Amino acid sequence: MATYSIGIGEYKVSLNHQDILQTFALGSCVAVVLLAANARAAGLAHIVLPDSTLSPTLARQQPGRFADTGIACLLKEMETRGCRREKLTAKITGGANILNDNETFKIGKRNIIAVKEWLAKNGIPIAGADIGKSRIRSVMVEVGTGKVTLFSAIKGTWTL
């Protein structure tokens, strides 16, 4: 059993049923969890920004930072490892408005929209979501069971 901490703008796929994937302190960032029931596999991406056109150079260096390139890389790695796209489901969390309701850039909201649009366009249904609001969340995925657990100082611990 191994526990992998996915940093900001990173992603990881595991087919080891004993592994745990986790990421911490999602503010405006969005965590995208892809679950493959047929392979008992999971992937997790920590998305920072909605669109790679904001910084093509950074997108080439760290594609996991952006919704469009990050989820595409996560999906490609899962498919390379034998996961079938039509068997995938997603769970998403984060996208908080951590500054205030009048936040000028609304990055959290834009990240949520970009993630939802990408998943819909690519035929991956969202099986669970805890998004928006003003709370910072952390997420843990048990690869073997597909169980997604969230943590927040405000709400405590719950399953998505």
N, C-alpha and C. Protein backbone atom coordinates (compact mmCIF):
# COMPACT_ATOMS: atom_id res chain seq x y z
N MET A 1 0.84 -1.19 0.00
CA MET A 1 0.00 0.00 0.00
C MET A 1 0.88 1.24 0.00
N ALA A 2 0.50 2.18 -0.86
CA ALA A 2 1.21 3.46 -0.91
C ALA A 2 0.19 4.59 -0.90
N THR A 3 0.58 5.67 -0.30
CA THR A 3 -0.24 6.88 -0.33
C THR A 3 0.51 7.91 -1.15
N TYR A 4 -0.17 8.45 -2.16
CA TYR A 4 0.44 9.44 -3.04
C TYR A 4 -0.23 10.79 -2.82
N SER A 5 0.58 11.80 -2.54
CA SER A 5 0.07 13.16 -2.41
C SER A 5 0.28 13.87 -3.73
N ILE A 6 -0.81 14.32 -4.31
CA ILE A 6 -0.78 15.00 -5.60
C ILE A 6 -0.72 16.49 -5.32
N GLY A 7 0.33 17.12 -5.80
CA GLY A 7 0.53 18.54 -5.57
C GLY A 7 -0.26 19.39 -6.54
N ILE A 8 -0.16 20.67 -6.35
CA ILE A 8 -0.85 21.65 -7.20
C ILE A 8 -0.38 21.47 -8.65
N GLY A 9 -1.35 21.28 -9.54
CA GLY A 9 -1.05 21.14 -10.95
C GLY A 9 -0.52 19.76 -11.34
N GLU A 10 -0.61 18.79 -10.44
CA GLU A 10 -0.14 17.44 -10.73
C GLU A 10 -1.31 16.49 -10.91
N TYR A 11 -1.02 15.29 -11.42
CA TYR A 11 -2.04 14.25 -11.53
C TYR A 11 -1.36 12.90 -11.38
N LYS A 12 -2.15 11.90 -10.98
CA LYS A 12 -1.62 10.56 -10.76
C LYS A 12 -2.71 9.55 -11.04
N VAL A 13 -2.32 8.42 -11.63
CA VAL A 13 -3.22 7.29 -11.87
C VAL A 13 -2.64 6.09 -11.14
N SER A 14 -3.52 5.28 -10.55
CA SER A 14 -3.08 4.04 -9.91
C SER A 14 -4.06 2.92 -10.22
N LEU A 15 -3.49 1.74 -10.46
CA LEU A 15 -4.28 0.52 -10.60
C LEU A 15 -4.02 -0.42 -9.43
N ASN A 16 -3.22 0.02 -8.48
CA ASN A 16 -2.94 -0.78 -7.29
C ASN A 16 -4.10 -0.59 -6.31
N HIS A 17 -4.82 -1.65 -6.06
CA HIS A 17 -6.03 -1.59 -5.25
C HIS A 17 -5.79 -1.17 -3.81
N GLN A 18 -4.54 -1.19 -3.39
CA GLN A 18 -4.20 -0.80 -2.02
C GLN A 18 -3.81 0.67 -1.90
N ASP A 19 -3.63 1.35 -3.02
CA ASP A 19 -3.14 2.73 -3.00
C ASP A 19 -4.21 3.73 -2.57
N ILE A 20 -3.72 4.85 -2.10
CA ILE A 20 -4.55 6.01 -1.78
C ILE A 20 -3.97 7.21 -2.51
N LEU A 21 -4.83 7.94 -3.20
CA LEU A 21 -4.44 9.19 -3.85
C LEU A 21 -5.07 10.32 -3.06
N GLN A 22 -4.31 11.39 -2.82
CA GLN A 22 -4.87 12.50 -2.05
C GLN A 22 -4.28 13.83 -2.50
N THR A 23 -5.06 14.86 -2.25
CA THR A 23 -4.57 16.22 -2.46
C THR A 23 -5.18 17.10 -1.39
N PHE A 24 -4.48 18.18 -1.09
CA PHE A 24 -4.85 18.99 0.07
C PHE A 24 -5.14 20.44 -0.29
N ALA A 25 -5.93 21.05 0.56
CA ALA A 25 -6.16 22.50 0.57
C ALA A 25 -6.65 23.06 -0.77
N LEU A 26 -7.70 22.45 -1.29
CA LEU A 26 -8.31 22.96 -2.52
C LEU A 26 -9.09 24.23 -2.17
N GLY A 27 -8.63 25.34 -2.65
CA GLY A 27 -9.40 26.57 -2.52
C GLY A 27 -10.18 26.75 -3.82
N SER A 28 -9.68 27.63 -4.68
CA SER A 28 -10.32 27.81 -5.99
C SER A 28 -9.96 26.68 -6.95
N CYS A 29 -8.96 25.88 -6.60
CA CYS A 29 -8.58 24.73 -7.43
C CYS A 29 -9.68 23.67 -7.38
N VAL A 30 -9.69 22.81 -8.39
CA VAL A 30 -10.67 21.72 -8.46
C VAL A 30 -9.92 20.40 -8.56
N ALA A 31 -10.32 19.44 -7.73
CA ALA A 31 -9.80 18.09 -7.85
C ALA A 31 -10.75 17.30 -8.73
N VAL A 32 -10.19 16.64 -9.72
CA VAL A 32 -10.97 15.77 -10.60
C VAL A 32 -10.53 14.34 -10.33
N VAL A 33 -11.48 13.52 -9.92
CA VAL A 33 -11.23 12.11 -9.67
C VAL A 33 -11.90 11.33 -10.80
N LEU A 34 -11.13 10.50 -11.49
CA LEU A 34 -11.70 9.60 -12.48
C LEU A 34 -11.64 8.20 -11.91
N LEU A 35 -12.78 7.53 -11.95
CA LEU A 35 -12.89 6.18 -11.41
C LEU A 35 -13.25 5.22 -12.54
N ALA A 36 -12.54 4.11 -12.60
CA ALA A 36 -12.79 3.10 -13.62
C ALA A 36 -13.25 1.82 -12.94
N ALA A 37 -14.55 1.61 -12.96
CA ALA A 37 -15.12 0.44 -12.29
C ALA A 37 -14.59 -0.86 -12.88
N ASN A 38 -14.42 -0.90 -14.20
CA ASN A 38 -13.99 -2.14 -14.84
C ASN A 38 -12.57 -2.54 -14.47
N ALA A 39 -11.72 -1.57 -14.17
CA ALA A 39 -10.33 -1.86 -13.87
C ALA A 39 -10.00 -1.65 -12.40
N ARG A 40 -10.98 -1.22 -11.62
CA ARG A 40 -10.73 -0.84 -10.23
C ARG A 40 -9.49 0.04 -10.17
N ALA A 41 -9.56 1.12 -10.92
CA ALA A 41 -8.46 2.07 -11.02
C ALA A 41 -9.00 3.46 -10.70
N ALA A 42 -8.08 4.35 -10.36
CA ALA A 42 -8.48 5.73 -10.08
C ALA A 42 -7.37 6.68 -10.52
N GLY A 43 -7.80 7.88 -10.85
CA GLY A 43 -6.87 8.95 -11.16
C GLY A 43 -7.33 10.22 -10.47
N LEU A 44 -6.38 11.08 -10.13
CA LEU A 44 -6.69 12.33 -9.44
C LEU A 44 -5.84 13.44 -10.04
N ALA A 45 -6.49 14.54 -10.38
CA ALA A 45 -5.78 15.72 -10.88
C ALA A 45 -6.14 16.92 -10.02
N HIS A 46 -5.15 17.76 -9.74
CA HIS A 46 -5.33 18.99 -8.96
C HIS A 46 -5.24 20.16 -9.94
N ILE A 47 -6.41 20.60 -10.42
CA ILE A 47 -6.52 21.63 -11.46
C ILE A 47 -6.46 23.02 -10.83
N VAL A 48 -5.63 23.90 -11.39
CA VAL A 48 -5.43 25.24 -10.85
C VAL A 48 -6.19 26.30 -11.65
N LEU A 49 -6.15 26.18 -12.97
CA LEU A 49 -6.73 27.21 -13.84
C LEU A 49 -7.59 26.56 -14.93
N PRO A 50 -8.54 27.31 -15.48
CA PRO A 50 -9.50 26.72 -16.41
C PRO A 50 -9.00 26.42 -17.81
N ASP A 51 -8.02 27.18 -18.31
CA ASP A 51 -7.74 27.11 -19.74
C ASP A 51 -6.25 27.29 -20.01
N SER A 52 -5.66 26.35 -20.72
CA SER A 52 -4.23 26.38 -21.01
C SER A 52 -3.80 27.53 -21.90
N THR A 53 -4.73 28.17 -22.60
CA THR A 53 -4.35 29.31 -23.43
C THR A 53 -3.91 30.50 -22.58
N LEU A 54 -4.17 30.44 -21.27
CA LEU A 54 -3.71 31.50 -20.37
C LEU A 54 -2.18 31.52 -20.32
N SER A 55 -1.55 30.35 -20.49
CA SER A 55 -0.09 30.26 -20.47
C SER A 55 0.35 28.99 -21.20
N PRO A 56 0.45 29.07 -22.53
CA PRO A 56 0.83 27.88 -23.31
C PRO A 56 2.18 27.29 -22.89
N THR A 57 3.12 28.13 -22.51
CA THR A 57 4.43 27.63 -22.09
C THR A 57 4.29 26.80 -20.82
N LEU A 58 3.59 27.32 -19.83
CA LEU A 58 3.37 26.59 -18.59
C LEU A 58 2.55 25.32 -18.84
N ALA A 59 1.61 25.39 -19.77
CA ALA A 59 0.79 24.22 -20.09
C ALA A 59 1.65 23.09 -20.67
N ARG A 60 2.68 23.43 -21.43
CA ARG A 60 3.58 22.41 -21.95
C ARG A 60 4.45 21.83 -20.83
N GLN A 61 4.88 22.69 -19.90
CA GLN A 61 5.74 22.25 -18.80
C GLN A 61 4.97 21.48 -17.73
N GLN A 62 3.76 21.92 -17.44
CA GLN A 62 2.96 21.30 -16.39
C GLN A 62 1.49 21.28 -16.82
N PRO A 63 1.13 20.33 -17.70
CA PRO A 63 -0.24 20.30 -18.24
C PRO A 63 -1.31 20.06 -17.19
N GLY A 64 -0.96 19.47 -16.07
CA GLY A 64 -1.93 19.21 -15.01
C GLY A 64 -2.48 20.46 -14.35
N ARG A 65 -1.87 21.60 -14.58
CA ARG A 65 -2.34 22.86 -13.99
C ARG A 65 -3.69 23.32 -14.55
N PHE A 66 -3.99 22.94 -15.77
CA PHE A 66 -5.14 23.49 -16.47
C PHE A 66 -6.22 22.43 -16.69
N ALA A 67 -7.47 22.85 -16.64
CA ALA A 67 -8.59 21.91 -16.80
C ALA A 67 -8.49 21.18 -18.14
N ASP A 68 -8.29 21.90 -19.22
CA ASP A 68 -8.32 21.26 -20.54
C ASP A 68 -7.16 20.29 -20.74
N THR A 69 -5.97 20.68 -20.41
CA THR A 69 -4.82 19.79 -20.61
C THR A 69 -4.66 18.77 -19.49
N GLY A 70 -4.98 19.15 -18.27
CA GLY A 70 -4.82 18.26 -17.13
C GLY A 70 -5.74 17.05 -17.16
N ILE A 71 -7.01 17.29 -17.45
CA ILE A 71 -7.95 16.16 -17.50
C ILE A 71 -7.65 15.29 -18.71
N ALA A 72 -7.24 15.93 -19.81
CA ALA A 72 -6.88 15.16 -21.01
C ALA A 72 -5.70 14.23 -20.72
N CYS A 73 -4.69 14.72 -20.01
CA CYS A 73 -3.54 13.88 -19.66
C CYS A 73 -3.94 12.76 -18.70
N LEU A 74 -4.79 13.09 -17.73
CA LEU A 74 -5.27 12.08 -16.79
C LEU A 74 -6.03 10.98 -17.53
N LEU A 75 -6.92 11.37 -18.42
CA LEU A 75 -7.69 10.40 -19.20
C LEU A 75 -6.78 9.55 -20.08
N LYS A 76 -5.83 10.18 -20.74
CA LYS A 76 -4.92 9.44 -21.62
C LYS A 76 -4.13 8.41 -20.83
N GLU A 77 -3.66 8.78 -19.64
CA GLU A 77 -2.90 7.83 -18.83
C GLU A 77 -3.78 6.67 -18.38
N MET A 78 -5.03 6.96 -18.04
CA MET A 78 -5.94 5.89 -17.62
C MET A 78 -6.22 4.95 -18.80
N GLU A 79 -6.45 5.52 -19.98
CA GLU A 79 -6.71 4.68 -21.16
C GLU A 79 -5.48 3.85 -21.52
N THR A 80 -4.30 4.43 -21.39
CA THR A 80 -3.06 3.71 -21.66
C THR A 80 -2.91 2.50 -20.74
N ARG A 81 -3.46 2.62 -19.54
CA ARG A 81 -3.37 1.54 -18.55
C ARG A 81 -4.57 0.58 -18.63
N GLY A 82 -5.34 0.69 -19.70
CA GLY A 82 -6.41 -0.27 -19.93
C GLY A 82 -7.80 0.12 -19.47
N CYS A 83 -7.95 1.32 -18.98
CA CYS A 83 -9.28 1.79 -18.56
C CYS A 83 -10.05 2.26 -19.78
N ARG A 84 -11.30 1.86 -19.86
CA ARG A 84 -12.14 2.24 -21.01
C ARG A 84 -12.93 3.49 -20.67
N ARG A 85 -12.86 4.46 -21.56
CA ARG A 85 -13.52 5.76 -21.35
C ARG A 85 -15.00 5.60 -21.01
N GLU A 86 -15.68 4.69 -21.69
CA GLU A 86 -17.12 4.53 -21.48
C GLU A 86 -17.44 3.94 -20.11
N LYS A 87 -16.43 3.44 -19.40
CA LYS A 87 -16.63 2.88 -18.06
C LYS A 87 -16.20 3.86 -16.96
N LEU A 88 -15.76 5.04 -17.34
CA LEU A 88 -15.28 6.02 -16.36
C LEU A 88 -16.40 6.89 -15.82
N THR A 89 -16.27 7.24 -14.57
CA THR A 89 -17.11 8.27 -13.96
C THR A 89 -16.18 9.25 -13.26
N ALA A 90 -16.69 10.45 -13.01
CA ALA A 90 -15.90 11.48 -12.35
C ALA A 90 -16.56 11.93 -11.06
N LYS A 91 -15.72 12.34 -10.14
CA LYS A 91 -16.18 13.04 -8.95
C LYS A 91 -15.31 14.29 -8.86
N ILE A 92 -15.95 15.41 -8.57
CA ILE A 92 -15.21 16.67 -8.54
C ILE A 92 -15.48 17.41 -7.23
N THR A 93 -14.46 18.12 -6.79
CA THR A 93 -14.60 18.93 -5.58
C THR A 93 -13.67 20.13 -5.66
N GLY A 94 -14.02 21.15 -4.91
CA GLY A 94 -13.22 22.37 -4.88
C GLY A 94 -13.94 23.51 -5.57
N GLY A 95 -13.16 24.40 -6.15
CA GLY A 95 -13.74 25.55 -6.83
C GLY A 95 -14.36 26.55 -5.88
N ALA A 96 -13.80 26.66 -4.69
CA ALA A 96 -14.35 27.56 -3.68
C ALA A 96 -14.11 29.02 -4.03
N ASN A 97 -14.98 29.83 -3.53
CA ASN A 97 -14.81 31.28 -3.60
C ASN A 97 -14.24 31.68 -2.25
N ILE A 98 -12.92 31.64 -2.13
CA ILE A 98 -12.31 31.82 -0.83
C ILE A 98 -12.02 33.27 -0.47
N LEU A 99 -12.11 34.17 -1.43
CA LEU A 99 -11.85 35.58 -1.11
C LEU A 99 -13.11 36.27 -0.61
N ASN A 100 -14.10 36.37 -1.48
CA ASN A 100 -15.40 36.94 -1.11
C ASN A 100 -16.34 36.80 -2.29
N ASP A 101 -17.61 37.13 -2.07
CA ASP A 101 -18.61 36.98 -3.13
C ASP A 101 -18.40 37.93 -4.30
N ASN A 102 -17.60 38.96 -4.11
CA ASN A 102 -17.36 39.92 -5.19
C ASN A 102 -16.01 39.71 -5.84
N GLU A 103 -15.44 38.53 -5.67
CA GLU A 103 -14.12 38.22 -6.24
C GLU A 103 -14.11 38.56 -7.73
N THR A 104 -13.18 39.37 -8.12
CA THR A 104 -13.12 39.88 -9.49
C THR A 104 -12.94 38.78 -10.52
N PHE A 105 -12.02 37.85 -10.29
CA PHE A 105 -11.69 36.88 -11.32
C PHE A 105 -12.52 35.61 -11.24
N LYS A 106 -13.11 35.31 -10.10
CA LYS A 106 -13.96 34.13 -9.91
C LYS A 106 -13.31 32.86 -10.47
N ILE A 107 -12.06 32.63 -10.09
CA ILE A 107 -11.31 31.49 -10.60
C ILE A 107 -11.99 30.17 -10.23
N GLY A 108 -12.47 30.06 -8.99
CA GLY A 108 -13.14 28.83 -8.58
C GLY A 108 -14.31 28.49 -9.48
N LYS A 109 -15.16 29.47 -9.72
CA LYS A 109 -16.33 29.26 -10.58
C LYS A 109 -15.90 28.93 -12.00
N ARG A 110 -14.90 29.62 -12.51
CA ARG A 110 -14.42 29.36 -13.86
C ARG A 110 -13.81 27.95 -13.97
N ASN A 111 -13.10 27.53 -12.92
CA ASN A 111 -12.55 26.17 -12.91
C ASN A 111 -13.65 25.12 -12.94
N ILE A 112 -14.69 25.33 -12.14
CA ILE A 112 -15.82 24.39 -12.11
C ILE A 112 -16.46 24.29 -13.49
N ILE A 113 -16.72 25.41 -14.11
CA ILE A 113 -17.34 25.43 -15.44
C ILE A 113 -16.46 24.69 -16.44
N ALA A 114 -15.16 24.99 -16.43
CA ALA A 114 -14.24 24.36 -17.39
C ALA A 114 -14.18 22.85 -17.20
N VAL A 115 -14.13 22.40 -15.95
CA VAL A 115 -14.07 20.97 -15.66
C VAL A 115 -15.36 20.28 -16.12
N LYS A 116 -16.51 20.85 -15.76
CA LYS A 116 -17.79 20.26 -16.15
C LYS A 116 -17.93 20.20 -17.67
N GLU A 117 -17.55 21.26 -18.35
CA GLU A 117 -17.66 21.29 -19.82
C GLU A 117 -16.75 20.25 -20.45
N TRP A 118 -15.52 20.12 -19.96
CA TRP A 118 -14.58 19.15 -20.53
C TRP A 118 -15.11 17.74 -20.34
N LEU A 119 -15.57 17.43 -19.14
CA LEU A 119 -16.08 16.08 -18.88
C LEU A 119 -17.30 15.78 -19.75
N ALA A 120 -18.23 16.73 -19.86
CA ALA A 120 -19.42 16.52 -20.69
C ALA A 120 -19.04 16.31 -22.15
N LYS A 121 -18.14 17.14 -22.65
CA LYS A 121 -17.70 17.05 -24.04
C LYS A 121 -17.06 15.70 -24.34
N ASN A 122 -16.43 15.10 -23.33
CA ASN A 122 -15.73 13.84 -23.51
C ASN A 122 -16.50 12.62 -23.01
N GLY A 123 -17.79 12.84 -22.70
CA GLY A 123 -18.68 11.73 -22.37
C GLY A 123 -18.41 11.06 -21.03
N ILE A 124 -17.85 11.81 -20.09
CA ILE A 124 -17.58 11.23 -18.76
C ILE A 124 -18.57 11.83 -17.77
N PRO A 125 -19.50 11.01 -17.27
CA PRO A 125 -20.51 11.54 -16.35
C PRO A 125 -19.93 11.87 -14.97
N ILE A 126 -20.50 12.88 -14.36
CA ILE A 126 -20.11 13.26 -13.00
C ILE A 126 -21.01 12.51 -12.04
N ALA A 127 -20.41 11.63 -11.24
CA ALA A 127 -21.16 10.78 -10.31
C ALA A 127 -21.28 11.41 -8.93
N GLY A 128 -20.54 12.48 -8.68
CA GLY A 128 -20.61 13.16 -7.40
C GLY A 128 -19.85 14.46 -7.45
N ALA A 129 -20.35 15.45 -6.72
CA ALA A 129 -19.68 16.75 -6.70
C ALA A 129 -19.94 17.46 -5.38
N ASP A 130 -18.92 18.11 -4.89
CA ASP A 130 -19.03 19.03 -3.78
C ASP A 130 -18.17 20.23 -4.18
N ILE A 131 -18.83 21.23 -4.74
CA ILE A 131 -18.11 22.33 -5.38
C ILE A 131 -18.64 23.68 -4.91
N GLY A 132 -17.82 24.70 -5.16
CA GLY A 132 -18.21 26.06 -4.83
C GLY A 132 -18.14 26.33 -3.34
N LYS A 133 -19.07 27.14 -2.89
CA LYS A 133 -19.14 27.57 -1.50
C LYS A 133 -17.85 28.31 -1.13
N SER A 134 -17.58 28.43 0.16
CA SER A 134 -16.39 29.17 0.57
C SER A 134 -15.47 28.34 1.46
N ARG A 135 -15.58 27.01 1.38
CA ARG A 135 -14.73 26.18 2.23
C ARG A 135 -13.58 25.54 1.47
N ILE A 136 -12.46 25.46 2.14
CA ILE A 136 -11.29 24.78 1.61
C ILE A 136 -11.42 23.29 1.93
N ARG A 137 -11.15 22.45 0.94
CA ARG A 137 -11.32 21.01 1.10
C ARG A 137 -10.05 20.27 0.75
N SER A 138 -9.93 19.07 1.33
CA SER A 138 -8.91 18.10 0.93
C SER A 138 -9.66 16.84 0.51
N VAL A 139 -9.03 16.03 -0.33
CA VAL A 139 -9.72 14.84 -0.85
C VAL A 139 -8.79 13.63 -0.82
N MET A 140 -9.36 12.47 -0.53
CA MET A 140 -8.63 11.22 -0.51
C MET A 140 -9.44 10.18 -1.28
N VAL A 141 -8.76 9.42 -2.15
CA VAL A 141 -9.41 8.40 -2.96
C VAL A 141 -8.77 7.05 -2.65
N GLU A 142 -9.60 6.07 -2.29
CA GLU A 142 -9.15 4.70 -2.12
C GLU A 142 -9.29 4.01 -3.47
N VAL A 143 -8.18 3.63 -4.07
CA VAL A 143 -8.20 3.10 -5.44
C VAL A 143 -9.03 1.82 -5.53
N GLY A 144 -8.87 0.91 -4.62
CA GLY A 144 -9.54 -0.39 -4.71
C GLY A 144 -11.05 -0.32 -4.59
N THR A 145 -11.54 0.62 -3.80
CA THR A 145 -12.98 0.72 -3.58
C THR A 145 -13.63 1.87 -4.34
N GLY A 146 -12.83 2.85 -4.76
CA GLY A 146 -13.37 4.04 -5.40
C GLY A 146 -13.98 5.01 -4.41
N LYS A 147 -13.82 4.76 -3.13
CA LYS A 147 -14.38 5.65 -2.10
C LYS A 147 -13.62 6.98 -2.10
N VAL A 148 -14.39 8.07 -2.17
CA VAL A 148 -13.82 9.42 -2.16
C VAL A 148 -14.25 10.10 -0.87
N THR A 149 -13.27 10.47 -0.05
CA THR A 149 -13.52 11.11 1.23
C THR A 149 -13.02 12.54 1.18
N LEU A 150 -13.84 13.46 1.67
CA LEU A 150 -13.48 14.87 1.72
C LEU A 150 -13.28 15.30 3.17
N PHE A 151 -12.42 16.30 3.35
CA PHE A 151 -12.14 16.86 4.67
C PHE A 151 -12.22 18.38 4.58
N SER A 152 -12.82 19.00 5.58
CA SER A 152 -12.88 20.45 5.65
C SER A 152 -12.91 20.86 7.11
N ALA A 153 -12.19 21.90 7.45
CA ALA A 153 -12.20 22.39 8.82
C ALA A 153 -13.61 22.84 9.22
N ILE A 154 -14.37 23.32 8.25
CA ILE A 154 -15.73 23.82 8.52
C ILE A 154 -16.73 22.67 8.68
N LYS A 155 -16.66 21.68 7.77
CA LYS A 155 -17.67 20.63 7.73
C LYS A 155 -17.22 19.30 8.37
N GLY A 156 -15.92 19.10 8.53
CA GLY A 156 -15.44 17.83 9.05
C GLY A 156 -15.12 16.87 7.91
N THR A 157 -15.50 15.61 8.06
CA THR A 157 -15.21 14.56 7.09
C THR A 157 -16.52 13.99 6.54
N TRP A 158 -16.57 13.76 5.23
CA TRP A 158 -17.74 13.16 4.60
C TRP A 158 -17.33 12.44 3.33
N THR A 159 -18.20 11.57 2.86
CA THR A 159 -17.94 10.79 1.65
C THR A 159 -18.70 11.40 0.49
N LEU A 160 -18.03 11.45 -0.64
CA LEU A 160 -18.64 12.01 -1.85
C LEU A 160 -19.19 10.88 -2.71
